[in-house]
Amino acid sequence: MITAHLPGAELIETGLADLTAGAVTIESLLVSIAAPGLRDVGLLVHLPIADAEMQLYALLSARDGAAAHSRYNALLRRVTSFRRAAQCAK
């Protein structure tokens, strides 16, 4: 039920594919964090990554340094936007 016109759809699509492949990426961690809400809108999220919040922040800190906190919040807002838009599209 992912449609490209929803905000953040590219993150969700990539995250679901990465999660299925067993890859720990920014996107797969975001999908893991958002798994309950994504399931609520009809997406099948298999085996979310444990401690995804901490792993995501660590990954962003290593990549973005001092900007990690802002990036973390922006990514979570984008996933929330996707979930809300998906709820409206149901």
C-alpha atoms as a PDB file:
ATOM      1  CA  MET A   1       0.000   0.000   0.000  1.00  0.00           C
ATOM      2  CA  ILE A   2       2.960   2.325  -0.391  1.00  0.00           C
ATOM      3  CA  THR A   3       2.288   5.040  -2.893  1.00  0.00           C
ATOM      4  CA  ALA A   4       5.057   7.265  -4.143  1.00  0.00           C
ATOM      5  CA  HIS A   5       3.047  10.458  -3.676  1.00  0.00           C
ATOM      6  CA  LEU A   6       2.969  10.144   0.127  1.00  0.00           C
ATOM      7  CA  PRO A   7       5.616  12.122   2.017  1.00  0.00           C
ATOM      8  CA  GLY A   8       8.464   9.867   3.100  1.00  0.00           C
ATOM      9  CA  ALA A   9       7.408   6.954   0.890  1.00  0.00           C
ATOM     10  CA  GLU A  10      10.969   6.574  -0.389  1.00  0.00           C
ATOM     11  CA  LEU A  11      12.222   6.079   3.181  1.00  0.00           C
ATOM     12  CA  ILE A  12       9.563   3.491   3.945  1.00  0.00           C
ATOM     13  CA  GLU A  13      10.056   1.541   0.712  1.00  0.00           C
ATOM     14  CA  THR A  14      13.821   1.439   1.130  1.00  0.00           C
ATOM     15  CA  GLY A  15      13.507   0.619   4.833  1.00  0.00           C
ATOM     16  CA  LEU A  16      11.175  -2.311   4.240  1.00  0.00           C
ATOM     17  CA  ALA A  17      13.491  -3.709   1.550  1.00  0.00           C
ATOM     18  CA  ASP A  18      16.556  -3.247   3.758  1.00  0.00           C
ATOM     19  CA  LEU A  19      14.811  -4.872   6.703  1.00  0.00           C
ATOM     20  CA  THR A  20      13.839  -7.863   4.566  1.00  0.00           C
ATOM     21  CA  ALA A  21      17.461  -8.134   3.406  1.00  0.00           C
ATOM     22  CA  GLY A  22      18.714  -7.946   6.984  1.00  0.00           C
ATOM     23  CA  ALA A  23      20.568  -4.679   6.396  1.00  0.00           C
ATOM     24  CA  VAL A  24      20.933  -2.175   9.204  1.00  0.00           C
ATOM     25  CA  THR A  25      20.482   1.182   7.491  1.00  0.00           C
ATOM     26  CA  ILE A  26      18.991   4.518   8.413  1.00  0.00           C
ATOM     27  CA  GLU A  27      15.840   3.523   6.561  1.00  0.00           C
ATOM     28  CA  SER A  28      15.516   0.043   8.121  1.00  0.00           C
ATOM     29  CA  LEU A  29      15.987   1.559  11.571  1.00  0.00           C
ATOM     30  CA  LEU A  30      13.282   4.154  10.850  1.00  0.00           C
ATOM     31  CA  VAL A  31      10.872   1.422   9.735  1.00  0.00           C
ATOM     32  CA  SER A  32      11.707  -0.552  12.878  1.00  0.00           C
ATOM     33  CA  ILE A  33      10.952   2.456  15.083  1.00  0.00           C
ATOM     34  CA  ALA A  34       7.691   3.117  13.251  1.00  0.00           C
ATOM     35  CA  ALA A  35       6.645  -0.546  12.924  1.00  0.00           C
ATOM     36  CA  PRO A  36       3.488  -0.367  15.089  1.00  0.00           C
ATOM     37  CA  GLY A  37       2.158   2.688  13.242  1.00  0.00           C
ATOM     38  CA  LEU A  38       3.071   1.243   9.862  1.00  0.00           C
ATOM     39  CA  ARG A  39       1.232  -1.962  10.702  1.00  0.00           C
ATOM     40  CA  ASP A  40      -1.793   0.152  11.633  1.00  0.00           C
ATOM     41  CA  VAL A  41      -1.903   1.480   8.055  1.00  0.00           C
ATOM     42  CA  GLY A  42      -1.649  -2.004   6.562  1.00  0.00           C
ATOM     43  CA  LEU A  43       2.072  -2.462   5.975  1.00  0.00           C
ATOM     44  CA  LEU A  44       3.713  -5.741   6.881  1.00  0.00           C
ATOM     45  CA  VAL A  45       6.860  -5.105   8.918  1.00  0.00           C
ATOM     46  CA  HIS A  46       8.826  -8.272   9.603  1.00  0.00           C
ATOM     47  CA  LEU A  47      11.258  -8.524  12.489  1.00  0.00           C
ATOM     48  CA  PRO A  48      11.970  -4.933  13.424  1.00  0.00           C
ATOM     49  CA  ILE A  49      15.473  -4.234  14.687  1.00  0.00           C
ATOM     50  CA  ALA A  50      15.826  -4.124  18.478  1.00  0.00           C
ATOM     51  CA  ASP A  51      17.048  -0.866  20.033  1.00  0.00           C
ATOM     52  CA  ALA A  52      16.445   0.879  16.720  1.00  0.00           C
ATOM     53  CA  GLU A  53      16.288   4.329  18.306  1.00  0.00           C
ATOM     54  CA  MET A  54      19.747   4.000  19.844  1.00  0.00           C
ATOM     55  CA  GLN A  55      21.230   2.426  16.723  1.00  0.00           C
ATOM     56  CA  LEU A  56      19.787   5.141  14.507  1.00  0.00           C
ATOM     57  CA  TYR A  57      21.155   7.905  16.696  1.00  0.00           C
ATOM     58  CA  ALA A  58      24.585   6.244  16.813  1.00  0.00           C
ATOM     59  CA  LEU A  59      24.624   5.865  13.034  1.00  0.00           C
ATOM     60  CA  LEU A  60      23.617   9.490  12.523  1.00  0.00           C
ATOM     61  CA  SER A  61      26.172  10.683  15.091  1.00  0.00           C
ATOM     62  CA  ALA A  62      28.949   8.857  13.275  1.00  0.00           C
ATOM     63  CA  ARG A  63      27.843  10.310   9.950  1.00  0.00           C
ATOM     64  CA  ASP A  64      26.557  13.775  10.833  1.00  0.00           C
ATOM     65  CA  GLY A  65      28.350  14.659  14.069  1.00  0.00           C
ATOM     66  CA  ALA A  66      26.733  17.588  15.858  1.00  0.00           C
ATOM     67  CA  ALA A  67      23.852  17.655  13.381  1.00  0.00           C
ATOM     68  CA  ALA A  68      22.730  14.151  14.401  1.00  0.00           C
ATOM     69  CA  HIS A  69      19.987  15.335  16.752  1.00  0.00           C
ATOM     70  CA  SER A  70      18.366  17.583  14.142  1.00  0.00           C
ATOM     71  CA  ARG A  71      18.655  14.895  11.475  1.00  0.00           C
ATOM     72  CA  TYR A  72      17.165  12.258  13.804  1.00  0.00           C
ATOM     73  CA  ASN A  73      14.146  14.447  14.566  1.00  0.00           C
ATOM     74  CA  ALA A  74      13.659  15.399  10.915  1.00  0.00           C
ATOM     75  CA  LEU A  75      13.671  11.753   9.830  1.00  0.00           C
ATOM     76  CA  LEU A  76      11.157  10.779  12.505  1.00  0.00           C
ATOM     77  CA  ARG A  77       8.889  13.668  11.467  1.00  0.00           C
ATOM     78  CA  ARG A  78       9.067  12.456   7.859  1.00  0.00           C
ATOM     79  CA  VAL A  79       8.011   8.933   8.862  1.00  0.00           C
ATOM     80  CA  THR A  80       5.191  10.362  10.972  1.00  0.00           C
ATOM     81  CA  SER A  81       4.040  12.380   7.957  1.00  0.00           C
ATOM     82  CA  PHE A  82       3.978   9.200   5.884  1.00  0.00           C
ATOM     83  CA  ARG A  83       1.918   7.352   8.485  1.00  0.00           C
ATOM     84  CA  ARG A  84      -0.592  10.192   8.837  1.00  0.00           C
ATOM     85  CA  ALA A  85      -0.969  10.563   5.072  1.00  0.00           C
ATOM     86  CA  ALA A  86      -1.372   6.782   4.703  1.00  0.00           C
ATOM     87  CA  GLN A  87      -4.141   6.835   7.315  1.00  0.00           C
ATOM     88  CA  CYS A  88      -5.988   9.474   5.309  1.00  0.00           C
ATOM     89  CA  ALA A  89      -5.495   7.512   2.083  1.00  0.00           C
ATOM     90  CA  LYS A  90      -7.023   4.315   3.540  1.00  0.00           C
END
